[in-house]
């Protein structure tokens, strides 16, 4: 996984309107693909991959993606709890 791998896709696609109310509380978001079969391959669409913009992440199955996201969230939760009790 590459760090700071962000793409400006505004010239290619339109973003969905942000529908979360601002809050004083911190929020944690987990990106996931709902409804895909666990064996479905998750990878960038060819239109977004060029020699100048190679993929940021390796292709993987939906199951691998969700498992990885849950593991990362658990690690962050443990770090947050440890920092709160330090």
PDB file of N, CA and C in Angstrom:
ATOM      1  N   UNK A   1       0.844  -1.170   0.000  1.00  0.00           N
ATOM      2  CA  UNK A   1       0.000   0.000   0.000  1.00  0.00           C
ATOM      3  C   UNK A   1       0.891   1.234   0.000  1.00  0.00           C
ATOM      4  N   UNK A   2       0.602   2.161  -0.883  1.00  0.00           N
ATOM      5  CA  UNK A   2       1.394   3.380  -0.976  1.00  0.00           C
ATOM      6  C   UNK A   2       0.845   4.438  -0.039  1.00  0.00           C
ATOM      7  N   UNK A   3       1.739   5.223   0.557  1.00  0.00           N
ATOM      8  CA  UNK A   3       1.311   6.311   1.425  1.00  0.00           C
ATOM      9  C   UNK A   3       1.050   7.551   0.582  1.00  0.00           C
ATOM     10  N   UNK A   4       0.100   8.356   1.015  1.00  0.00           N
ATOM     11  CA  UNK A   4      -0.231   9.613   0.350  1.00  0.00           C
ATOM     12  C   UNK A   4      -0.519   9.432  -1.129  1.00  0.00           C
ATOM     13  N   UNK A   5      -1.230   8.402  -1.453  1.00  0.00           N
ATOM     14  CA  UNK A   5      -1.560   8.124  -2.849  1.00  0.00           C
ATOM     15  C   UNK A   5      -2.955   8.668  -3.127  1.00  0.00           C
ATOM     16  N   UNK A   6      -3.005   9.912  -3.491  1.00  0.00           N
ATOM     17  CA  UNK A   6      -4.287  10.552  -3.782  1.00  0.00           C
ATOM     18  C   UNK A   6      -4.328  10.944  -5.241  1.00  0.00           C
ATOM     19  N   UNK A   7      -5.488  10.882  -5.809  1.00  0.00           N
ATOM     20  CA  UNK A   7      -5.672  11.243  -7.204  1.00  0.00           C
ATOM     21  C   UNK A   7      -6.691  12.372  -7.299  1.00  0.00           C
ATOM     22  N   UNK A   8      -6.441  13.307  -8.169  1.00  0.00           N
ATOM     23  CA  UNK A   8      -7.431  14.331  -8.454  1.00  0.00           C
ATOM     24  C   UNK A   8      -8.266  13.826  -9.617  1.00  0.00           C
ATOM     25  N   UNK A   9      -9.431  13.289  -9.302  1.00  0.00           N
ATOM     26  CA  UNK A   9     -10.288  12.726 -10.341  1.00  0.00           C
ATOM     27  C   UNK A   9     -11.435  13.667 -10.702  1.00  0.00           C
ATOM     28  N   UNK A  10     -11.394  14.898 -10.192  1.00  0.00           N
ATOM     29  CA  UNK A  10     -12.492  15.830 -10.458  1.00  0.00           C
ATOM     30  C   UNK A  10     -12.632  16.152 -11.934  1.00  0.00           C
ATOM     31  N   UNK A  11     -11.539  16.074 -12.684  1.00  0.00           N
ATOM     32  CA  UNK A  11     -11.638  16.338 -14.114  1.00  0.00           C
ATOM     33  C   UNK A  11     -12.207  15.136 -14.862  1.00  0.00           C
ATOM     34  N   UNK A  12     -12.297  13.981 -14.174  1.00  0.00           N
ATOM     35  CA  UNK A  12     -12.777  12.759 -14.815  1.00  0.00           C
ATOM     36  C   UNK A  12     -14.194  12.413 -14.373  1.00  0.00           C
ATOM     37  N   UNK A  13     -14.494  12.641 -13.106  1.00  0.00           N
ATOM     38  CA  UNK A  13     -15.787  12.249 -12.552  1.00  0.00           C
ATOM     39  C   UNK A  13     -16.263  13.298 -11.551  1.00  0.00           C
ATOM     40  N   UNK A  14     -17.527  13.260 -11.212  1.00  0.00           N
ATOM     41  CA  UNK A  14     -18.102  14.197 -10.252  1.00  0.00           C
ATOM     42  C   UNK A  14     -18.261  13.510  -8.902  1.00  0.00           C
ATOM     43  N   UNK A  15     -17.842  14.178  -7.859  1.00  0.00           N
ATOM     44  CA  UNK A  15     -17.945  13.609  -6.515  1.00  0.00           C
ATOM     45  C   UNK A  15     -19.388  13.633  -6.025  1.00  0.00           C
ATOM     46  N   UNK A  16     -19.721  12.682  -5.165  1.00  0.00           N
ATOM     47  CA  UNK A  16     -21.026  12.649  -4.519  1.00  0.00           C
ATOM     48  C   UNK A  16     -21.080  13.764  -3.479  1.00  0.00           C
ATOM     49  N   UNK A  17     -22.243  14.386  -3.348  1.00  0.00           N
ATOM     50  CA  UNK A  17     -22.405  15.441  -2.353  1.00  0.00           C
ATOM     51  C   UNK A  17     -22.154  14.891  -0.951  1.00  0.00           C
ATOM     52  N   UNK A  18     -21.413  15.645  -0.142  1.00  0.00           N
ATOM     53  CA  UNK A  18     -21.118  15.241   1.243  1.00  0.00           C
ATOM     54  C   UNK A  18     -22.375  15.457   2.076  1.00  0.00           C
ATOM     55  N   UNK A  19     -22.874  14.398   2.718  1.00  0.00           N
ATOM     56  CA  UNK A  19     -24.149  14.488   3.427  1.00  0.00           C
ATOM     57  C   UNK A  19     -24.033  14.276   4.925  1.00  0.00           C
ATOM     58  N   UNK A  20     -22.855  14.461   5.485  1.00  0.00           N
ATOM     59  CA  UNK A  20     -22.668  14.298   6.927  1.00  0.00           C
ATOM     60  C   UNK A  20     -22.616  15.673   7.568  1.00  0.00           C
ATOM     61  N   UNK A  21     -23.381  15.855   8.638  1.00  0.00           N
ATOM     62  CA  UNK A  21     -23.366  17.134   9.352  1.00  0.00           C
ATOM     63  C   UNK A  21     -22.029  17.310  10.054  1.00  0.00           C
ATOM     64  N   UNK A  22     -21.530  18.534  10.045  1.00  0.00           N
ATOM     65  CA  UNK A  22     -20.301  18.819  10.784  1.00  0.00           C
ATOM     66  C   UNK A  22     -20.550  18.602  12.266  1.00  0.00           C
ATOM     67  N   UNK A  23     -19.528  18.160  12.949  1.00  0.00           N
ATOM     68  CA  UNK A  23     -19.647  17.835  14.363  1.00  0.00           C
ATOM     69  C   UNK A  23     -18.341  18.175  15.059  1.00  0.00           C
ATOM     70  N   UNK A  24     -18.424  18.403  16.339  1.00  0.00           N
ATOM     71  CA  UNK A  24     -17.222  18.653  17.130  1.00  0.00           C
ATOM     72  C   UNK A  24     -16.504  17.344  17.438  1.00  0.00           C
ATOM     73  N   UNK A  25     -17.194  16.227  17.270  1.00  0.00           N
ATOM     74  CA  UNK A  25     -16.607  14.929  17.576  1.00  0.00           C
ATOM     75  C   UNK A  25     -15.802  14.418  16.380  1.00  0.00           C
ATOM     76  N   UNK A  26     -14.709  13.695  16.685  1.00  0.00           N
ATOM     77  CA  UNK A  26     -13.931  13.064  15.626  1.00  0.00           C
ATOM     78  C   UNK A  26     -14.717  11.882  15.078  1.00  0.00           C
ATOM     79  N   UNK A  27     -14.556  11.639  13.792  1.00  0.00           N
ATOM     80  CA  UNK A  27     -15.221  10.504  13.156  1.00  0.00           C
ATOM     81  C   UNK A  27     -14.170   9.646  12.470  1.00  0.00           C
ATOM     82  N   UNK A  28     -14.449   8.360  12.372  1.00  0.00           N
ATOM     83  CA  UNK A  28     -13.590   7.423  11.647  1.00  0.00           C
ATOM     84  C   UNK A  28     -14.434   6.810  10.542  1.00  0.00           C
ATOM     85  N   UNK A  29     -13.947   6.857   9.323  1.00  0.00           N
ATOM     86  CA  UNK A  29     -14.659   6.268   8.195  1.00  0.00           C
ATOM     87  C   UNK A  29     -13.904   5.056   7.685  1.00  0.00           C
ATOM     88  N   UNK A  30     -14.642   4.061   7.261  1.00  0.00           N
ATOM     89  CA  UNK A  30     -14.059   2.883   6.631  1.00  0.00           C
ATOM     90  C   UNK A  30     -14.690   2.771   5.248  1.00  0.00           C
ATOM     91  N   UNK A  31     -13.849   2.811   4.235  1.00  0.00           N
ATOM     92  CA  UNK A  31     -14.338   2.679   2.866  1.00  0.00           C
ATOM     93  C   UNK A  31     -14.546   1.202   2.583  1.00  0.00           C
ATOM     94  N   UNK A  32     -15.681   0.881   1.989  1.00  0.00           N
ATOM     95  CA  UNK A  32     -15.954  -0.510   1.649  1.00  0.00           C
ATOM     96  C   UNK A  32     -16.877  -0.564   0.452  1.00  0.00           C
ATOM     97  N   UNK A  33     -16.897  -1.694  -0.185  1.00  0.00           N
ATOM     98  CA  UNK A  33     -17.754  -1.925  -1.335  1.00  0.00           C
ATOM     99  C   UNK A  33     -18.862  -2.867  -0.882  1.00  0.00           C
ATOM    100  N   UNK A  34     -20.090  -2.391  -0.835  1.00  0.00           N
ATOM    101  CA  UNK A  34     -21.202  -3.203  -0.351  1.00  0.00           C
ATOM    102  C   UNK A  34     -21.793  -4.051  -1.465  1.00  0.00           C
ATOM    103  N   UNK A  35     -22.173  -5.247  -1.127  1.00  0.00           N
ATOM    104  CA  UNK A  35     -22.924  -6.091  -2.046  1.00  0.00           C
ATOM    105  C   UNK A  35     -22.095  -6.887  -3.030  1.00  0.00           C
ATOM    106  N   UNK A  36     -20.784  -6.741  -3.016  1.00  0.00           N
ATOM    107  CA  UNK A  36     -19.962  -7.509  -3.949  1.00  0.00           C
ATOM    108  C   UNK A  36     -19.703  -8.902  -3.384  1.00  0.00           C
ATOM    109  N   UNK A  37     -19.649  -9.875  -4.261  1.00  0.00           N
ATOM    110  CA  UNK A  37     -19.289 -11.228  -3.871  1.00  0.00           C
ATOM    111  C   UNK A  37     -17.874 -11.214  -3.319  1.00  0.00           C
ATOM    112  N   UNK A  38     -17.586 -12.024  -2.315  1.00  0.00           N
ATOM    113  CA  UNK A  38     -16.269 -12.048  -1.688  1.00  0.00           C
ATOM    114  C   UNK A  38     -15.128 -12.350  -2.637  1.00  0.00           C
ATOM    115  N   UNK A  39     -15.413 -13.057  -3.720  1.00  0.00           N
ATOM    116  CA  UNK A  39     -14.371 -13.409  -4.686  1.00  0.00           C
ATOM    117  C   UNK A  39     -14.223 -12.381  -5.806  1.00  0.00           C
ATOM    118  N   UNK A  40     -15.039 -11.327  -5.778  1.00  0.00           N
ATOM    119  CA  UNK A  40     -14.951 -10.275  -6.793  1.00  0.00           C
ATOM    120  C   UNK A  40     -13.616  -9.556  -6.680  1.00  0.00           C
ATOM    121  N   UNK A  41     -12.957  -9.341  -7.812  1.00  0.00           N
ATOM    122  CA  UNK A  41     -11.679  -8.632  -7.827  1.00  0.00           C
ATOM    123  C   UNK A  41     -11.946  -7.130  -7.751  1.00  0.00           C
ATOM    124  N   UNK A  42     -11.271  -6.464  -6.821  1.00  0.00           N
ATOM    125  CA  UNK A  42     -11.374  -5.011  -6.651  1.00  0.00           C
ATOM    126  C   UNK A  42     -10.076  -4.413  -7.184  1.00  0.00           C
ATOM    127  N   UNK A  43     -10.201  -3.557  -8.186  1.00  0.00           N
ATOM    128  CA  UNK A  43      -9.039  -2.907  -8.786  1.00  0.00           C
ATOM    129  C   UNK A  43      -9.493  -1.627  -9.473  1.00  0.00           C
ATOM    130  N   UNK A  44      -8.568  -0.724  -9.789  1.00  0.00           N
ATOM    131  CA  UNK A  44      -8.966   0.525 -10.436  1.00  0.00           C
ATOM    132  C   UNK A  44      -9.518   0.276 -11.839  1.00  0.00           C
ATOM    133  N   UNK A  45     -10.433   1.134 -12.243  1.00  0.00           N
ATOM    134  CA  UNK A  45     -10.936   1.076 -13.609  1.00  0.00           C
ATOM    135  C   UNK A  45      -9.814   1.481 -14.560  1.00  0.00           C
ATOM    136  N   UNK A  46      -9.714   0.838 -15.721  1.00  0.00           N
ATOM    137  CA  UNK A  46      -8.634   1.151 -16.659  1.00  0.00           C
ATOM    138  C   UNK A  46      -8.541   2.636 -17.016  1.00  0.00           C
ATOM    139  N   UNK A  47      -9.664   3.337 -17.046  1.00  0.00           N
ATOM    140  CA  UNK A  47      -9.650   4.766 -17.399  1.00  0.00           C
ATOM    141  C   UNK A  47      -8.862   5.603 -16.401  1.00  0.00           C
ATOM    142  N   UNK A  48      -8.674   5.089 -15.190  1.00  0.00           N
ATOM    143  CA  UNK A  48      -7.967   5.837 -14.154  1.00  0.00           C
ATOM    144  C   UNK A  48      -6.497   5.435 -14.028  1.00  0.00           C
ATOM    145  N   UNK A  49      -6.059   4.473 -14.826  1.00  0.00           N
ATOM    146  CA  UNK A  49      -4.677   3.990 -14.760  1.00  0.00           C
ATOM    147  C   UNK A  49      -3.936   4.394 -16.028  1.00  0.00           C
ATOM    148  N   UNK A  50      -2.846   5.105 -15.852  1.00  0.00           N
ATOM    149  CA  UNK A  50      -1.992   5.515 -16.965  1.00  0.00           C
ATOM    150  C   UNK A  50      -0.545   5.327 -16.530  1.00  0.00           C
ATOM    151  N   UNK A  51       0.403   5.426 -17.469  1.00  0.00           N
ATOM    152  CA  UNK A  51       1.812   5.352 -17.055  1.00  0.00           C
ATOM    153  C   UNK A  51       2.169   6.434 -16.032  1.00  0.00           C
ATOM    154  N   UNK A  52       1.532   7.603 -16.140  1.00  0.00           N
ATOM    155  CA  UNK A  52       1.790   8.688 -15.192  1.00  0.00           C
ATOM    156  C   UNK A  52       1.057   8.482 -13.871  1.00  0.00           C
ATOM    157  N   UNK A  53      -0.033   7.727 -13.895  1.00  0.00           N
ATOM    158  CA  UNK A  53      -0.843   7.451 -12.702  1.00  0.00           C
ATOM    159  C   UNK A  53      -1.034   5.948 -12.536  1.00  0.00           C
ATOM    160  N   UNK A  54       0.013   5.237 -12.115  1.00  0.00           N
ATOM    161  CA  UNK A  54      -0.136   3.789 -11.920  1.00  0.00           C
ATOM    162  C   UNK A  54      -1.052   3.505 -10.725  1.00  0.00           C
ATOM    163  N   UNK A  55      -1.538   2.282 -10.603  1.00  0.00           N
ATOM    164  CA  UNK A  55      -2.403   1.950  -9.462  1.00  0.00           C
ATOM    165  C   UNK A  55      -1.697   2.205  -8.131  1.00  0.00           C
ATOM    166  N   UNK A  56      -2.444   2.681  -7.169  1.00  0.00           N
ATOM    167  CA  UNK A  56      -1.897   2.907  -5.819  1.00  0.00           C
ATOM    168  C   UNK A  56      -1.859   1.611  -5.021  1.00  0.00           C
ATOM    169  N   UNK A  57      -2.752   0.703  -5.326  1.00  0.00           N
ATOM    170  CA  UNK A  57      -2.878  -0.520  -4.546  1.00  0.00           C
ATOM    171  C   UNK A  57      -2.933  -1.721  -5.482  1.00  0.00           C
ATOM    172  N   UNK A  58      -2.499  -2.854  -4.992  1.00  0.00           N
ATOM    173  CA  UNK A  58      -2.585  -4.092  -5.765  1.00  0.00           C
ATOM    174  C   UNK A  58      -4.035  -4.543  -5.840  1.00  0.00           C
ATOM    175  N   UNK A  59      -4.402  -5.199  -6.936  1.00  0.00           N
ATOM    176  CA  UNK A  59      -5.769  -5.720  -7.000  1.00  0.00           C
ATOM    177  C   UNK A  59      -5.904  -6.844  -5.989  1.00  0.00           C
ATOM    178  N   UNK A  60      -7.113  -7.002  -5.472  1.00  0.00           N
ATOM    179  CA  UNK A  60      -7.385  -8.020  -4.458  1.00  0.00           C
ATOM    180  C   UNK A  60      -8.857  -8.375  -4.520  1.00  0.00           C
ATOM    181  N   UNK A  61      -9.234  -9.415  -3.802  1.00  0.00           N
ATOM    182  CA  UNK A  61     -10.646  -9.777  -3.766  1.00  0.00           C
ATOM    183  C   UNK A  61     -11.380  -8.874  -2.779  1.00  0.00           C
ATOM    184  N   UNK A  62     -12.677  -8.837  -2.920  1.00  0.00           N
ATOM    185  CA  UNK A  62     -13.516  -8.082  -1.990  1.00  0.00           C
ATOM    186  C   UNK A  62     -13.281  -8.569  -0.564  1.00  0.00           C
ATOM    187  N   UNK A  63     -13.192  -9.864  -0.378  1.00  0.00           N
ATOM    188  CA  UNK A  63     -12.969 -10.452   0.949  1.00  0.00           C
ATOM    189  C   UNK A  63     -11.638  -9.974   1.532  1.00  0.00           C
ATOM    190  N   UNK A  64     -10.576  -9.982   0.713  1.00  0.00           N
ATOM    191  CA  UNK A  64      -9.267  -9.513   1.177  1.00  0.00           C
ATOM    192  C   UNK A  64      -9.316  -8.031   1.547  1.00  0.00           C
ATOM    193  N   UNK A  65     -10.021  -7.255   0.726  1.00  0.00           N
ATOM    194  CA  UNK A  65     -10.134  -5.814   0.980  1.00  0.00           C
ATOM    195  C   UNK A  65     -10.824  -5.547   2.319  1.00  0.00           C
ATOM    196  N   UNK A  66     -11.975  -6.164   2.537  1.00  0.00           N
ATOM    197  CA  UNK A  66     -12.722  -5.951   3.779  1.00  0.00           C
ATOM    198  C   UNK A  66     -11.903  -6.427   4.981  1.00  0.00           C
ATOM    199  N   UNK A  67     -11.272  -7.588   4.865  1.00  0.00           N
ATOM    200  CA  UNK A  67     -10.447  -8.111   5.960  1.00  0.00           C
ATOM    201  C   UNK A  67      -9.330  -7.136   6.298  1.00  0.00           C
ATOM    202  N   UNK A  68      -8.668  -6.615   5.279  1.00  0.00           N
ATOM    203  CA  UNK A  68      -7.573  -5.662   5.489  1.00  0.00           C
ATOM    204  C   UNK A  68      -8.083  -4.381   6.159  1.00  0.00           C
ATOM    205  N   UNK A  69      -9.223  -3.864   5.712  1.00  0.00           N
ATOM    206  CA  UNK A  69      -9.771  -2.643   6.293  1.00  0.00           C
ATOM    207  C   UNK A  69     -10.142  -2.846   7.765  1.00  0.00           C
ATOM    208  N   UNK A  70     -10.694  -4.000   8.091  1.00  0.00           N
ATOM    209  CA  UNK A  70     -11.047  -4.290   9.482  1.00  0.00           C
ATOM    210  C   UNK A  70      -9.787  -4.397  10.338  1.00  0.00           C
ATOM    211  N   UNK A  71      -8.747  -5.036   9.808  1.00  0.00           N
ATOM    212  CA  UNK A  71      -7.481  -5.143  10.548  1.00  0.00           C
ATOM    213  C   UNK A  71      -6.883  -3.764  10.810  1.00  0.00           C
ATOM    214  N   UNK A  72      -6.896  -2.889   9.796  1.00  0.00           N
ATOM    215  CA  UNK A  72      -6.369  -1.532   9.977  1.00  0.00           C
ATOM    216  C   UNK A  72      -7.180  -0.757  11.011  1.00  0.00           C
ATOM    217  N   UNK A  73      -8.505  -0.899  10.958  1.00  0.00           N
ATOM    218  CA  UNK A  73      -9.360  -0.205  11.920  1.00  0.00           C
ATOM    219  C   UNK A  73      -9.088  -0.702  13.337  1.00  0.00           C
ATOM    220  N   UNK A  74      -8.887  -1.998  13.496  1.00  0.00           N
ATOM    221  CA  UNK A  74      -8.588  -2.570  14.815  1.00  0.00           C
ATOM    222  C   UNK A  74      -7.250  -2.052  15.339  1.00  0.00           C
ATOM    223  N   UNK A  75      -6.244  -1.968  14.472  1.00  0.00           N
ATOM    224  CA  UNK A  75      -4.940  -1.436  14.878  1.00  0.00           C
ATOM    225  C   UNK A  75      -5.071   0.018  15.336  1.00  0.00           C
ATOM    226  N   UNK A  76      -5.821   0.811  14.589  1.00  0.00           N
ATOM    227  CA  UNK A  76      -6.019   2.211  14.952  1.00  0.00           C
ATOM    228  C   UNK A  76      -6.762   2.326  16.281  1.00  0.00           C
ATOM    229  N   UNK A  77      -7.766   1.495  16.477  1.00  0.00           N
ATOM    230  CA  UNK A  77      -8.512   1.504  17.732  1.00  0.00           C
ATOM    231  C   UNK A  77      -7.594   1.182  18.910  1.00  0.00           C
ATOM    232  N   UNK A  78      -6.745   0.179  18.753  1.00  0.00           N
ATOM    233  CA  UNK A  78      -5.829  -0.192  19.833  1.00  0.00           C
ATOM    234  C   UNK A  78      -4.841   0.934  20.133  1.00  0.00           C
ATOM    235  N   UNK A  79      -4.330   1.605  19.092  1.00  0.00           N
ATOM    236  CA  UNK A  79      -3.417   2.740  19.290  1.00  0.00           C
ATOM    237  C   UNK A  79      -4.126   3.872  20.023  1.00  0.00           C
ATOM    238  N   UNK A  80      -5.366   4.132  19.629  1.00  0.00           N
ATOM    239  CA  UNK A  80      -6.140   5.206  20.243  1.00  0.00           C
ATOM    240  C   UNK A  80      -6.400   4.904  21.716  1.00  0.00           C
ATOM    241  N   UNK A  81      -6.766   3.665  22.016  1.00  0.00           N
ATOM    242  CA  UNK A  81      -7.004   3.271  23.412  1.00  0.00           C
ATOM    243  C   UNK A  81      -5.727   3.380  24.233  1.00  0.00           C
ATOM    244  N   UNK A  82      -4.606   2.935  23.663  1.00  0.00           N
ATOM    245  CA  UNK A  82      -3.326   2.999  24.380  1.00  0.00           C
ATOM    246  C   UNK A  82      -2.937   4.445  24.654  1.00  0.00           C
ATOM    247  N   UNK A  83      -3.142   5.324  23.686  1.00  0.00           N
ATOM    248  CA  UNK A  83      -2.802   6.736  23.864  1.00  0.00           C
ATOM    249  C   UNK A  83      -3.701   7.384  24.915  1.00  0.00           C
ATOM    250  N   UNK A  84      -4.958   6.970  24.968  1.00  0.00           N
ATOM    251  CA  UNK A  84      -5.895   7.543  25.933  1.00  0.00           C
ATOM    252  C   UNK A  84      -5.540   7.144  27.365  1.00  0.00           C
ATOM    253  N   UNK A  85      -4.911   5.990  27.520  1.00  0.00           N
ATOM    254  CA  UNK A  85      -4.560   5.494  28.853  1.00  0.00           C
ATOM    255  C   UNK A  85      -3.111   5.778  29.226  1.00  0.00           C
ATOM    256  N   UNK A  86      -2.391   6.468  28.355  1.00  0.00           N
ATOM    257  CA  UNK A  86      -0.962   6.754  28.633  1.00  0.00           C
ATOM    258  C   UNK A  86      -0.810   7.928  29.576  1.00  0.00           C
TER     259      UNK A  86
END
